Amino acid sequence: MGKLTTHILNLTCGKPAANVKIELKRLGEEAILVKEASTNADGRVDAPLLAGEELVSGEYVMEFHAGDYFASQKMNTADQPFLTIVTVRFQLTDPDAHYHIPLLLSPFGYQVYRGS
């Protein structure tokens, strides 16, 4: 059974990023909101963003609301955050695979990759 999971690590302090809003959208003629979630104290969502029959092949975008998170942590060094929403666009091709998309985040940069 396939699933899509994520987690976020705040590189500035080396800890999980809690309470980050995440929006998952499926792309087609227009973007359709599939799921909205927030990370827990471990920087993960409590359940997979997609699992089983929900995981359909196609192109998706995951939006991580980094600006709101850093503002809540008082980690922005200016009045306005540099990163507002980190957008990751990706393809899911195998409905039986486990797709894990970690985000390593700081107020001024990020790295994302396909994890395991």
PDB file of N, CA and C in Angstrom:
ATOM      1  N   MET A   1       0.846  -1.177   0.000  1.00  0.00           N
ATOM      2  CA  MET A   1       0.000   0.000   0.000  1.00  0.00           C
ATOM      3  C   MET A   1       0.890   1.239   0.000  1.00  0.00           C
ATOM      4  N   GLY A   2       0.702   2.116  -0.959  1.00  0.00           N
ATOM      5  CA  GLY A   2       1.504   3.320  -1.084  1.00  0.00           C
ATOM      6  C   GLY A   2       1.100   4.399  -0.099  1.00  0.00           C
ATOM      7  N   LYS A   3       2.038   5.320   0.130  1.00  0.00           N
ATOM      8  CA  LYS A   3       1.733   6.459   0.988  1.00  0.00           C
ATOM      9  C   LYS A   3       2.686   7.602   0.694  1.00  0.00           C
ATOM     10  N   LEU A   4       2.265   8.799   1.080  1.00  0.00           N
ATOM     11  CA  LEU A   4       3.057  10.011   0.959  1.00  0.00           C
ATOM     12  C   LEU A   4       3.213  10.608   2.345  1.00  0.00           C
ATOM     13  N   THR A   5       4.463  10.784   2.769  1.00  0.00           N
ATOM     14  CA  THR A   5       4.747  11.353   4.083  1.00  0.00           C
ATOM     15  C   THR A   5       5.767  12.483   3.944  1.00  0.00           C
ATOM     16  N   THR A   6       5.903  13.259   5.014  1.00  0.00           N
ATOM     17  CA  THR A   6       6.874  14.349   5.029  1.00  0.00           C
ATOM     18  C   THR A   6       7.312  14.607   6.459  1.00  0.00           C
ATOM     19  N   HIS A   7       8.405  15.296   6.595  1.00  0.00           N
ATOM     20  CA  HIS A   7       8.795  15.857   7.889  1.00  0.00           C
ATOM     21  C   HIS A   7       9.655  17.085   7.629  1.00  0.00           C
ATOM     22  N   ILE A   8       9.735  17.949   8.642  1.00  0.00           N
ATOM     23  CA  ILE A   8      10.468  19.204   8.492  1.00  0.00           C
ATOM     24  C   ILE A   8      11.433  19.358   9.660  1.00  0.00           C
ATOM     25  N   LEU A   9      12.690  19.682   9.323  1.00  0.00           N
ATOM     26  CA  LEU A   9      13.708  19.953  10.324  1.00  0.00           C
ATOM     27  C   LEU A   9      14.129  21.411  10.209  1.00  0.00           C
ATOM     28  N   ASN A  10      14.091  22.125  11.312  1.00  0.00           N
ATOM     29  CA  ASN A  10      14.555  23.507  11.375  1.00  0.00           C
ATOM     30  C   ASN A  10      16.069  23.469  11.541  1.00  0.00           C
ATOM     31  N   LEU A  11      16.794  23.798  10.490  1.00  0.00           N
ATOM     32  CA  LEU A  11      18.253  23.731  10.516  1.00  0.00           C
ATOM     33  C   LEU A  11      18.887  24.792  11.409  1.00  0.00           C
ATOM     34  N   THR A  12      18.179  25.864  11.689  1.00  0.00           N
ATOM     35  CA  THR A  12      18.726  26.929  12.514  1.00  0.00           C
ATOM     36  C   THR A  12      18.992  26.448  13.934  1.00  0.00           C
ATOM     37  N   CYS A  13      18.088  25.623  14.455  1.00  0.00           N
ATOM     38  CA  CYS A  13      18.248  25.133  15.827  1.00  0.00           C
ATOM     39  C   CYS A  13      18.430  23.622  15.885  1.00  0.00           C
ATOM     40  N   GLY A  14      18.382  22.940  14.740  1.00  0.00           N
ATOM     41  CA  GLY A  14      18.586  21.500  14.704  1.00  0.00           C
ATOM     42  C   GLY A  14      17.475  20.701  15.350  1.00  0.00           C
ATOM     43  N   LYS A  15      16.249  21.229  15.275  1.00  0.00           N
ATOM     44  CA  LYS A  15      15.105  20.566  15.891  1.00  0.00           C
ATOM     45  C   LYS A  15      13.965  20.436  14.892  1.00  0.00           C
ATOM     46  N   PRO A  16      13.038  19.514  15.154  1.00  0.00           N
ATOM     47  CA  PRO A  16      11.860  19.410  14.286  1.00  0.00           C
ATOM     48  C   PRO A  16      11.074  20.724  14.273  1.00  0.00           C
ATOM     49  N   ALA A  17      10.476  21.019  13.142  1.00  0.00           N
ATOM     50  CA  ALA A  17       9.658  22.227  12.995  1.00  0.00           C
ATOM     51  C   ALA A  17       8.197  21.866  13.261  1.00  0.00           C
ATOM     52  N   ALA A  18       7.694  22.279  14.409  1.00  0.00           N
ATOM     53  CA  ALA A  18       6.314  21.980  14.809  1.00  0.00           C
ATOM     54  C   ALA A  18       5.372  23.086  14.366  1.00  0.00           C
ATOM     55  N   ASN A  19       4.143  22.712  14.110  1.00  0.00           N
ATOM     56  CA  ASN A  19       3.063  23.640  13.763  1.00  0.00           C
ATOM     57  C   ASN A  19       3.296  24.379  12.446  1.00  0.00           C
ATOM     58  N   VAL A  20       3.823  23.668  11.465  1.00  0.00           N
ATOM     59  CA  VAL A  20       3.972  24.233  10.126  1.00  0.00           C
ATOM     60  C   VAL A  20       2.781  23.762   9.294  1.00  0.00           C
ATOM     61  N   LYS A  21       2.061  24.708   8.735  1.00  0.00           N
ATOM     62  CA  LYS A  21       0.930  24.370   7.874  1.00  0.00           C
ATOM     63  C   LYS A  21       1.444  23.846   6.543  1.00  0.00           C
ATOM     64  N   ILE A  22       0.822  22.761   6.065  1.00  0.00           N
ATOM     65  CA  ILE A  22       1.173  22.141   4.788  1.00  0.00           C
ATOM     66  C   ILE A  22      -0.103  21.985   3.971  1.00  0.00           C
ATOM     67  N   GLU A  23      -0.042  22.399   2.712  1.00  0.00           N
ATOM     68  CA  GLU A  23      -1.147  22.183   1.782  1.00  0.00           C
ATOM     69  C   GLU A  23      -0.650  21.291   0.655  1.00  0.00           C
ATOM     70  N   LEU A  24      -1.392  20.232   0.370  1.00  0.00           N
ATOM     71  CA  LEU A  24      -1.077  19.327  -0.727  1.00  0.00           C
ATOM     72  C   LEU A  24      -2.131  19.519  -1.808  1.00  0.00           C
ATOM     73  N   LYS A  25      -1.665  19.786  -3.031  1.00  0.00           N
ATOM     74  CA  LYS A  25      -2.581  20.006  -4.155  1.00  0.00           C
ATOM     75  C   LYS A  25      -2.214  19.072  -5.298  1.00  0.00           C
ATOM     76  N   ARG A  26      -3.258  18.553  -5.957  1.00  0.00           N
ATOM     77  CA  ARG A  26      -3.067  17.734  -7.154  1.00  0.00           C
ATOM     78  C   ARG A  26      -3.222  18.653  -8.356  1.00  0.00           C
ATOM     79  N   LEU A  27      -2.281  18.556  -9.286  1.00  0.00           N
ATOM     80  CA  LEU A  27      -2.292  19.435 -10.446  1.00  0.00           C
ATOM     81  C   LEU A  27      -2.975  18.759 -11.623  1.00  0.00           C
ATOM     82  N   GLY A  28      -3.669  19.543 -12.369  1.00  0.00           N
ATOM     83  CA  GLY A  28      -4.346  19.127 -13.594  1.00  0.00           C
ATOM     84  C   GLY A  28      -4.615  20.403 -14.357  1.00  0.00           C
ATOM     85  N   GLU A  29      -5.825  20.550 -14.850  1.00  0.00           N
ATOM     86  CA  GLU A  29      -6.174  21.818 -15.491  1.00  0.00           C
ATOM     87  C   GLU A  29      -6.123  22.946 -14.469  1.00  0.00           C
ATOM     88  N   GLU A  30      -6.388  22.617 -13.232  1.00  0.00           N
ATOM     89  CA  GLU A  30      -6.243  23.561 -12.127  1.00  0.00           C
ATOM     90  C   GLU A  30      -5.753  22.791 -10.901  1.00  0.00           C
ATOM     91  N   ALA A  31      -5.208  23.501  -9.939  1.00  0.00           N
ATOM     92  CA  ALA A  31      -4.722  22.861  -8.709  1.00  0.00           C
ATOM     93  C   ALA A  31      -5.908  22.616  -7.779  1.00  0.00           C
ATOM     94  N   ILE A  32      -6.015  21.387  -7.291  1.00  0.00           N
ATOM     95  CA  ILE A  32      -7.110  21.013  -6.393  1.00  0.00           C
ATOM     96  C   ILE A  32      -6.516  20.663  -5.038  1.00  0.00           C
ATOM     97  N   LEU A  33      -6.988  21.337  -3.997  1.00  0.00           N
ATOM     98  CA  LEU A  33      -6.519  21.050  -2.649  1.00  0.00           C
ATOM     99  C   LEU A  33      -6.973  19.647  -2.260  1.00  0.00           C
ATOM    100  N   VAL A  34      -5.998  18.790  -1.951  1.00  0.00           N
ATOM    101  CA  VAL A  34      -6.279  17.403  -1.581  1.00  0.00           C
ATOM    102  C   VAL A  34      -6.260  17.231  -0.064  1.00  0.00           C
ATOM    103  N   LYS A  35      -5.309  17.903   0.589  1.00  0.00           N
ATOM    104  CA  LYS A  35      -5.162  17.729   2.025  1.00  0.00           C
ATOM    105  C   LYS A  35      -4.490  18.953   2.621  1.00  0.00           C
ATOM    106  N   GLU A  36      -4.886  19.283   3.830  1.00  0.00           N
ATOM    107  CA  GLU A  36      -4.252  20.339   4.609  1.00  0.00           C
ATOM    108  C   GLU A  36      -3.914  19.731   5.959  1.00  0.00           C
ATOM    109  N   ALA A  37      -2.702  19.991   6.429  1.00  0.00           N
ATOM    110  CA  ALA A  37      -2.263  19.417   7.701  1.00  0.00           C
ATOM    111  C   ALA A  37      -1.253  20.360   8.340  1.00  0.00           C
ATOM    112  N   SER A  38      -0.903  20.069   9.577  1.00  0.00           N
ATOM    113  CA  SER A  38       0.159  20.786  10.282  1.00  0.00           C
ATOM    114  C   SER A  38       1.076  19.768  10.924  1.00  0.00           C
ATOM    115  N   THR A  39       2.342  20.137  11.031  1.00  0.00           N
ATOM    116  CA  THR A  39       3.302  19.226  11.647  1.00  0.00           C
ATOM    117  C   THR A  39       3.102  19.176  13.158  1.00  0.00           C
ATOM    118  N   ASN A  40       3.447  18.018  13.725  1.00  0.00           N
ATOM    119  CA  ASN A  40       3.352  17.829  15.175  1.00  0.00           C
ATOM    120  C   ASN A  40       4.691  18.205  15.828  1.00  0.00           C
ATOM    121  N   ALA A  41       4.851  17.903  17.099  1.00  0.00           N
ATOM    122  CA  ALA A  41       6.063  18.262  17.836  1.00  0.00           C
ATOM    123  C   ALA A  41       7.310  17.602  17.265  1.00  0.00           C
ATOM    124  N   ASP A  42       7.137  16.492  16.525  1.00  0.00           N
ATOM    125  CA  ASP A  42       8.257  15.792  15.912  1.00  0.00           C
ATOM    126  C   ASP A  42       8.516  16.272  14.479  1.00  0.00           C
ATOM    127  N   GLY A  43       7.813  17.326  14.041  1.00  0.00           N
ATOM    128  CA  GLY A  43       7.995  17.862  12.696  1.00  0.00           C
ATOM    129  C   GLY A  43       7.351  17.024  11.603  1.00  0.00           C
ATOM    130  N   ARG A  44       6.476  16.100  12.000  1.00  0.00           N
ATOM    131  CA  ARG A  44       5.793  15.215  11.056  1.00  0.00           C
ATOM    132  C   ARG A  44       4.289  15.457  11.126  1.00  0.00           C
ATOM    133  N   VAL A  45       3.572  14.998  10.124  1.00  0.00           N
ATOM    134  CA  VAL A  45       2.113  15.014  10.215  1.00  0.00           C
ATOM    135  C   VAL A  45       1.688  13.713  10.890  1.00  0.00           C
ATOM    136  N   ASP A  46       0.563  13.731  11.575  1.00  0.00           N
ATOM    137  CA  ASP A  46       0.138  12.568  12.364  1.00  0.00           C
ATOM    138  C   ASP A  46      -0.219  11.345  11.527  1.00  0.00           C
ATOM    139  N   ALA A  47      -0.583  11.571  10.283  1.00  0.00           N
ATOM    140  CA  ALA A  47      -0.952  10.474   9.385  1.00  0.00           C
ATOM    141  C   ALA A  47      -0.395  10.812   8.004  1.00  0.00           C
ATOM    142  N   PRO A  48      -0.204   9.819   7.140  1.00  0.00           N
ATOM    143  CA  PRO A  48       0.265  10.120   5.785  1.00  0.00           C
ATOM    144  C   PRO A  48      -0.651  11.133   5.097  1.00  0.00           C
ATOM    145  N   LEU A  49      -0.046  11.970   4.271  1.00  0.00           N
ATOM    146  CA  LEU A  49      -0.846  12.933   3.507  1.00  0.00           C
ATOM    147  C   LEU A  49      -1.724  12.213   2.487  1.00  0.00           C
ATOM    148  N   LEU A  50      -1.212  11.146   1.927  1.00  0.00           N
ATOM    149  CA  LEU A  50      -1.977  10.265   1.048  1.00  0.00           C
ATOM    150  C   LEU A  50      -1.637   8.838   1.426  1.00  0.00           C
ATOM    151  N   ALA A  51      -2.614   7.949   1.350  1.00  0.00           N
ATOM    152  CA  ALA A  51      -2.359   6.536   1.630  1.00  0.00           C
ATOM    153  C   ALA A  51      -3.386   5.683   0.900  1.00  0.00           C
ATOM    154  N   GLY A  52      -2.956   4.494   0.505  1.00  0.00           N
ATOM    155  CA  GLY A  52      -3.863   3.545  -0.123  1.00  0.00           C
ATOM    156  C   GLY A  52      -4.470   4.083  -1.399  1.00  0.00           C
ATOM    157  N   GLU A  53      -5.779   4.017  -1.483  1.00  0.00           N
ATOM    158  CA  GLU A  53      -6.489   4.439  -2.701  1.00  0.00           C
ATOM    159  C   GLU A  53      -6.420   5.938  -2.941  1.00  0.00           C
ATOM    160  N   GLU A  54      -6.112   6.718  -1.895  1.00  0.00           N
ATOM    161  CA  GLU A  54      -5.959   8.172  -2.059  1.00  0.00           C
ATOM    162  C   GLU A  54      -4.752   8.517  -2.922  1.00  0.00           C
ATOM    163  N   LEU A  55      -3.720   7.652  -2.882  1.00  0.00           N
ATOM    164  CA  LEU A  55      -2.494   7.923  -3.625  1.00  0.00           C
ATOM    165  C   LEU A  55      -2.710   7.551  -5.086  1.00  0.00           C
ATOM    166  N   VAL A  56      -2.892   8.560  -5.894  1.00  0.00           N
ATOM    167  CA  VAL A  56      -3.164   8.404  -7.319  1.00  0.00           C
ATOM    168  C   VAL A  56      -1.976   8.975  -8.080  1.00  0.00           C
ATOM    169  N   SER A  57      -1.543   8.286  -9.124  1.00  0.00           N
ATOM    170  CA  SER A  57      -0.457   8.798  -9.952  1.00  0.00           C
ATOM    171  C   SER A  57      -0.808  10.171 -10.489  1.00  0.00           C
ATOM    172  N   GLY A  58       0.191  11.028 -10.563  1.00  0.00           N
ATOM    173  CA  GLY A  58      -0.028  12.357 -11.103  1.00  0.00           C
ATOM    174  C   GLY A  58       0.976  13.353 -10.559  1.00  0.00           C
ATOM    175  N   GLU A  59       0.779  14.604 -10.923  1.00  0.00           N
ATOM    176  CA  GLU A  59       1.658  15.677 -10.490  1.00  0.00           C
ATOM    177  C   GLU A  59       1.003  16.418  -9.322  1.00  0.00           C
ATOM    178  N   TYR A  60       1.813  16.717  -8.320  1.00  0.00           N
ATOM    179  CA  TYR A  60       1.347  17.351  -7.093  1.00  0.00           C
ATOM    180  C   TYR A  60       2.236  18.530  -6.738  1.00  0.00           C
ATOM    181  N   VAL A  61       1.728  19.362  -5.867  1.00  0.00           N
ATOM    182  CA  VAL A  61       2.531  20.423  -5.271  1.00  0.00           C
ATOM    183  C   VAL A  61       2.246  20.417  -3.770  1.00  0.00           C
ATOM    184  N   MET A  62       3.321  20.515  -2.991  1.00  0.00           N
ATOM    185  CA  MET A  62       3.201  20.607  -1.540  1.00  0.00           C
ATOM    186  C   MET A  62       3.691  22.002  -1.149  1.00  0.00           C
ATOM    187  N   GLU A  63       2.872  22.716  -0.393  1.00  0.00           N
ATOM    188  CA  GLU A  63       3.211  24.071   0.028  1.00  0.00           C
ATOM    189  C   GLU A  63       3.427  24.083   1.534  1.00  0.00           C
ATOM    190  N   PHE A  64       4.647  24.441   1.941  1.00  0.00           N
ATOM    191  CA  PHE A  64       5.021  24.536   3.348  1.00  0.00           C
ATOM    192  C   PHE A  64       5.005  26.017   3.741  1.00  0.00           C
ATOM    193  N   HIS A  65       4.214  26.382   4.714  1.00  0.00           N
ATOM    194  CA  HIS A  65       4.051  27.782   5.106  1.00  0.00           C
ATOM    195  C   HIS A  65       5.170  28.194   6.067  1.00  0.00           C
ATOM    196  N   ALA A  66       6.350  28.406   5.488  1.00  0.00           N
ATOM    197  CA  ALA A  66       7.562  28.690   6.253  1.00  0.00           C
ATOM    198  C   ALA A  66       7.530  30.071   6.911  1.00  0.00           C
ATOM    199  N   GLY A  67       7.028  31.063   6.232  1.00  0.00           N
ATOM    200  CA  GLY A  67       7.006  32.428   6.775  1.00  0.00           C
ATOM    201  C   GLY A  67       6.218  32.516   8.067  1.00  0.00           C
ATOM    202  N   ASP A  68       5.047  31.907   8.082  1.00  0.00           N
ATOM    203  CA  ASP A  68       4.223  31.909   9.301  1.00  0.00           C
ATOM    204  C   ASP A  68       4.934  31.165  10.429  1.00  0.00           C
ATOM    205  N   TYR A  69       5.587  30.047  10.082  1.00  0.00           N
ATOM    206  CA  TYR A  69       6.313  29.274  11.093  1.00  0.00           C
ATOM    207  C   TYR A  69       7.438  30.107  11.704  1.00  0.00           C
ATOM    208  N   PHE A  70       8.286  30.703  10.867  1.00  0.00           N
ATOM    209  CA  PHE A  70       9.408  31.476  11.404  1.00  0.00           C
ATOM    210  C   PHE A  70       8.937  32.701  12.173  1.00  0.00           C
ATOM    211  N   ALA A  71       7.839  33.312  11.749  1.00  0.00           N
ATOM    212  CA  ALA A  71       7.285  34.436  12.509  1.00  0.00           C
ATOM    213  C   ALA A  71       6.840  33.972  13.896  1.00  0.00           C
ATOM    214  N   SER A  72       6.218  32.808  13.971  1.00  0.00           N
ATOM    215  CA  SER A  72       5.770  32.288  15.273  1.00  0.00           C
ATOM    216  C   SER A  72       6.941  31.933  16.176  1.00  0.00           C
ATOM    217  N   GLN A  73       8.086  31.610  15.580  1.00  0.00           N
ATOM    218  CA  GLN A  73       9.294  31.279  16.338  1.00  0.00           C
ATOM    219  C   GLN A  73      10.158  32.506  16.598  1.00  0.00           C
ATOM    220  N   LYS A  74       9.716  33.653  16.084  1.00  0.00           N
ATOM    221  CA  LYS A  74      10.461  34.912  16.181  1.00  0.00           C
ATOM    222  C   LYS A  74      11.882  34.747  15.623  1.00  0.00           C
ATOM    223  N   MET A  75      11.946  34.086  14.454  1.00  0.00           N
ATOM    224  CA  MET A  75      13.235  33.803  13.823  1.00  0.00           C
ATOM    225  C   MET A  75      13.476  34.615  12.558  1.00  0.00           C
ATOM    226  N   ASN A  76      12.583  35.502  12.209  1.00  0.00           N
ATOM    227  CA  ASN A  76      12.825  36.360  11.056  1.00  0.00           C
ATOM    228  C   ASN A  76      13.706  37.517  11.504  1.00  0.00           C
ATOM    229  N   THR A  77      14.700  37.835  10.703  1.00  0.00           N
ATOM    230  CA  THR A  77      15.602  38.914  11.085  1.00  0.00           C
ATOM    231  C   THR A  77      15.173  40.255  10.491  1.00  0.00           C
ATOM    232  N   ALA A  78      14.085  40.272   9.791  1.00  0.00           N
ATOM    233  CA  ALA A  78      13.561  41.503   9.205  1.00  0.00           C
ATOM    234  C   ALA A  78      12.061  41.567   9.498  1.00  0.00           C
ATOM    235  N   ASP A  79      11.447  42.682   9.132  1.00  0.00           N
ATOM    236  CA  ASP A  79      10.011  42.824   9.357  1.00  0.00           C
ATOM    237  C   ASP A  79       9.210  41.814   8.546  1.00  0.00           C
ATOM    238  N   GLN A  80       9.712  41.468   7.381  1.00  0.00           N
ATOM    239  CA  GLN A  80       9.033  40.521   6.499  1.00  0.00           C
ATOM    240  C   GLN A  80       9.928  39.302   6.292  1.00  0.00           C
ATOM    241  N   PRO A  81       9.345  38.111   6.278  1.00  0.00           N
ATOM    242  CA  PRO A  81      10.168  36.913   6.063  1.00  0.00           C
ATOM    243  C   PRO A  81      10.695  36.857   4.630  1.00  0.00           C
ATOM    244  N   PHE A  82      11.865  36.252   4.467  1.00  0.00           N
ATOM    245  CA  PHE A  82      12.413  36.036   3.131  1.00  0.00           C
ATOM    246  C   PHE A  82      11.632  34.923   2.440  1.00  0.00           C
ATOM    247  N   LEU A  83      11.495  33.772   3.093  1.00  0.00           N
ATOM    248  CA  LEU A  83      10.710  32.659   2.560  1.00  0.00           C
ATOM    249  C   LEU A  83       9.301  32.738   3.130  1.00  0.00           C
ATOM    250  N   THR A  84       8.328  32.770   2.276  1.00  0.00           N
ATOM    251  CA  THR A  84       6.943  32.795   2.749  1.00  0.00           C
ATOM    252  C   THR A  84       6.329  31.401   2.645  1.00  0.00           C
ATOM    253  N   ILE A  85       6.271  30.874   1.437  1.00  0.00           N
ATOM    254  CA  ILE A  85       5.766  29.520   1.212  1.00  0.00           C
ATOM    255  C   ILE A  85       6.782  28.775   0.350  1.00  0.00           C
ATOM    256  N   VAL A  86       7.264  27.657   0.872  1.00  0.00           N
ATOM    257  CA  VAL A  86       8.174  26.796   0.106  1.00  0.00           C
ATOM    258  C   VAL A  86       7.302  25.823  -0.679  1.00  0.00           C
ATOM    259  N   THR A  87       7.451  25.858  -1.991  1.00  0.00           N
ATOM    260  CA  THR A  87       6.629  25.046  -2.879  1.00  0.00           C
ATOM    261  C   THR A  87       7.483  23.935  -3.497  1.00  0.00           C
ATOM    262  N   VAL A  88       7.013  22.712  -3.356  1.00  0.00           N
ATOM    263  CA  VAL A  88       7.700  21.555  -3.932  1.00  0.00           C
ATOM    264  C   VAL A  88       6.741  20.893  -4.913  1.00  0.00           C
ATOM    265  N   ARG A  89       7.157  20.822  -6.168  1.00  0.00           N
ATOM    266  CA  ARG A  89       6.331  20.223  -7.218  1.00  0.00           C
ATOM    267  C   ARG A  89       6.961  18.887  -7.598  1.00  0.00           C
ATOM    268  N   PHE A  90       6.150  17.829  -7.633  1.00  0.00           N
ATOM    269  CA  PHE A  90       6.688  16.487  -7.838  1.00  0.00           C
ATOM    270  C   PHE A  90       5.660  15.583  -8.498  1.00  0.00           C
ATOM    271  N   GLN A  91       6.143  14.437  -8.974  1.00  0.00           N
ATOM    272  CA  GLN A  91       5.310  13.427  -9.629  1.00  0.00           C
ATOM    273  C   GLN A  91       5.240  12.178  -8.762  1.00  0.00           C
ATOM    274  N   LEU A  92       4.073  11.592  -8.676  1.00  0.00           N
ATOM    275  CA  LEU A  92       3.895  10.273  -8.080  1.00  0.00           C
ATOM    276  C   LEU A  92       3.527   9.336  -9.220  1.00  0.00           C
ATOM    277  N   THR A  93       4.306   8.280  -9.394  1.00  0.00           N
ATOM    278  CA  THR A  93       4.081   7.390 -10.537  1.00  0.00           C
ATOM    279  C   THR A  93       3.684   5.982 -10.141  1.00  0.00           C
ATOM    280  N   ASP A  94       3.994   5.584  -8.907  1.00  0.00           N
ATOM    281  CA  ASP A  94       3.715   4.218  -8.462  1.00  0.00           C
ATOM    282  C   ASP A  94       2.797   4.258  -7.242  1.00  0.00           C
ATOM    283  N   PRO A  95       1.519   3.942  -7.396  1.00  0.00           N
ATOM    284  CA  PRO A  95       0.575   4.018  -6.277  1.00  0.00           C
ATOM    285  C   PRO A  95       0.902   3.077  -5.119  1.00  0.00           C
ATOM    286  N   ASP A  96       1.815   2.127  -5.338  1.00  0.00           N
ATOM    287  CA  ASP A  96       2.179   1.194  -4.275  1.00  0.00           C
ATOM    288  C   ASP A  96       3.467   1.584  -3.553  1.00  0.00           C
ATOM    289  N   ALA A  97       4.107   2.674  -3.964  1.00  0.00           N
ATOM    290  CA  ALA A  97       5.387   3.085  -3.383  1.00  0.00           C
ATOM    291  C   ALA A  97       5.188   3.997  -2.171  1.00  0.00           C
ATOM    292  N   HIS A  98       6.226   4.061  -1.337  1.00  0.00           N
ATOM    293  CA  HIS A  98       6.256   5.015  -0.234  1.00  0.00           C
ATOM    294  C   HIS A  98       7.076   6.210  -0.697  1.00  0.00           C
ATOM    295  N   TYR A  99       6.430   7.350  -0.789  1.00  0.00           N
ATOM    296  CA  TYR A  99       7.096   8.600  -1.135  1.00  0.00           C
ATOM    297  C   TYR A  99       7.247   9.410   0.146  1.00  0.00           C
ATOM    298  N   HIS A 100       8.486   9.772   0.458  1.00  0.00           N
ATOM    299  CA  HIS A 100       8.747  10.580   1.653  1.00  0.00           C
ATOM    300  C   HIS A 100       9.501  11.828   1.209  1.00  0.00           C
ATOM    301  N   ILE A 101       8.970  12.992   1.551  1.00  0.00           N
ATOM    302  CA  ILE A 101       9.555  14.253   1.111  1.00  0.00           C
ATOM    303  C   ILE A 101       9.947  15.077   2.336  1.00  0.00           C
ATOM    304  N   PRO A 102      11.211  14.960   2.781  1.00  0.00           N
ATOM    305  CA  PRO A 102      11.687  15.763   3.905  1.00  0.00           C
ATOM    306  C   PRO A 102      12.046  17.175   3.450  1.00  0.00           C
ATOM    307  N   LEU A 103      11.872  18.126   4.356  1.00  0.00           N
ATOM    308  CA  LEU A 103      12.241  19.514   4.109  1.00  0.00           C
ATOM    309  C   LEU A 103      13.206  19.944   5.204  1.00  0.00           C
ATOM    310  N   LEU A 104      14.403  20.378   4.806  1.00  0.00           N
ATOM    311  CA  LEU A 104      15.379  20.958   5.717  1.00  0.00           C
ATOM    312  C   LEU A 104      15.273  22.461   5.530  1.00  0.00           C
ATOM    313  N   LEU A 105      14.965  23.189   6.590  1.00  0.00           N
ATOM    314  CA  LEU A 105      14.506  24.568   6.468  1.00  0.00           C
ATOM    315  C   LEU A 105      15.282  25.520   7.364  1.00  0.00           C
ATOM    316  N   SER A 106      15.594  26.691   6.830  1.00  0.00           N
ATOM    317  CA  SER A 106      16.130  27.801   7.613  1.00  0.00           C
ATOM    318  C   SER A 106      15.412  29.061   7.135  1.00  0.00           C
ATOM    319  N   PRO A 107      15.564  30.182   7.830  1.00  0.00           N
ATOM    320  CA  PRO A 107      14.848  31.393   7.396  1.00  0.00           C
ATOM    321  C   PRO A 107      15.246  31.890   6.003  1.00  0.00           C
ATOM    322  N   PHE A 108      16.416  31.466   5.500  1.00  0.00           N
ATOM    323  CA  PHE A 108      16.905  32.005   4.232  1.00  0.00           C
ATOM    324  C   PHE A 108      17.186  30.961   3.162  1.00  0.00           C
ATOM    325  N   GLY A 109      16.851  29.699   3.420  1.00  0.00           N
ATOM    326  CA  GLY A 109      17.083  28.668   2.426  1.00  0.00           C
ATOM    327  C   GLY A 109      16.473  27.353   2.858  1.00  0.00           C
ATOM    328  N   TYR A 110      16.458  26.408   1.929  1.00  0.00           N
ATOM    329  CA  TYR A 110      15.888  25.101   2.222  1.00  0.00           C
ATOM    330  C   TYR A 110      16.473  24.060   1.279  1.00  0.00           C
ATOM    331  N   GLN A 111      16.308  22.811   1.663  1.00  0.00           N
ATOM    332  CA  GLN A 111      16.663  21.681   0.811  1.00  0.00           C
ATOM    333  C   GLN A 111      15.555  20.656   0.936  1.00  0.00           C
ATOM    334  N   VAL A 112      15.213  20.052  -0.167  1.00  0.00           N
ATOM    335  CA  VAL A 112      14.179  19.018  -0.184  1.00  0.00           C
ATOM    336  C   VAL A 112      14.698  17.867  -1.034  1.00  0.00           C
ATOM    337  N   TYR A 113      14.266  16.665  -0.688  1.00  0.00           N
ATOM    338  CA  TYR A 113      14.710  15.491  -1.416  1.00  0.00           C
ATOM    339  C   TYR A 113      13.705  14.372  -1.234  1.00  0.00           C
ATOM    340  N   ARG A 114      13.849  13.324  -2.028  1.00  0.00           N
ATOM    341  CA  ARG A 114      13.004  12.148  -1.825  1.00  0.00           C
ATOM    342  C   ARG A 114      13.714  11.252  -0.834  1.00  0.00           C
ATOM    343  N   GLY A 115      13.107  11.082   0.308  1.00  0.00           N
ATOM    344  CA  GLY A 115      13.681  10.247   1.356  1.00  0.00           C
ATOM    345  C   GLY A 115      13.146   8.840   1.275  1.00  0.00           C
ATOM    346  N   SER A 116      13.362   8.114   2.344  1.00  0.00           N
ATOM    347  CA  SER A 116      12.900   6.727   2.389  1.00  0.00           C
ATOM    348  C   SER A 116      12.099   6.481   3.654  1.00  0.00           C
TER     349      SER A 116
END
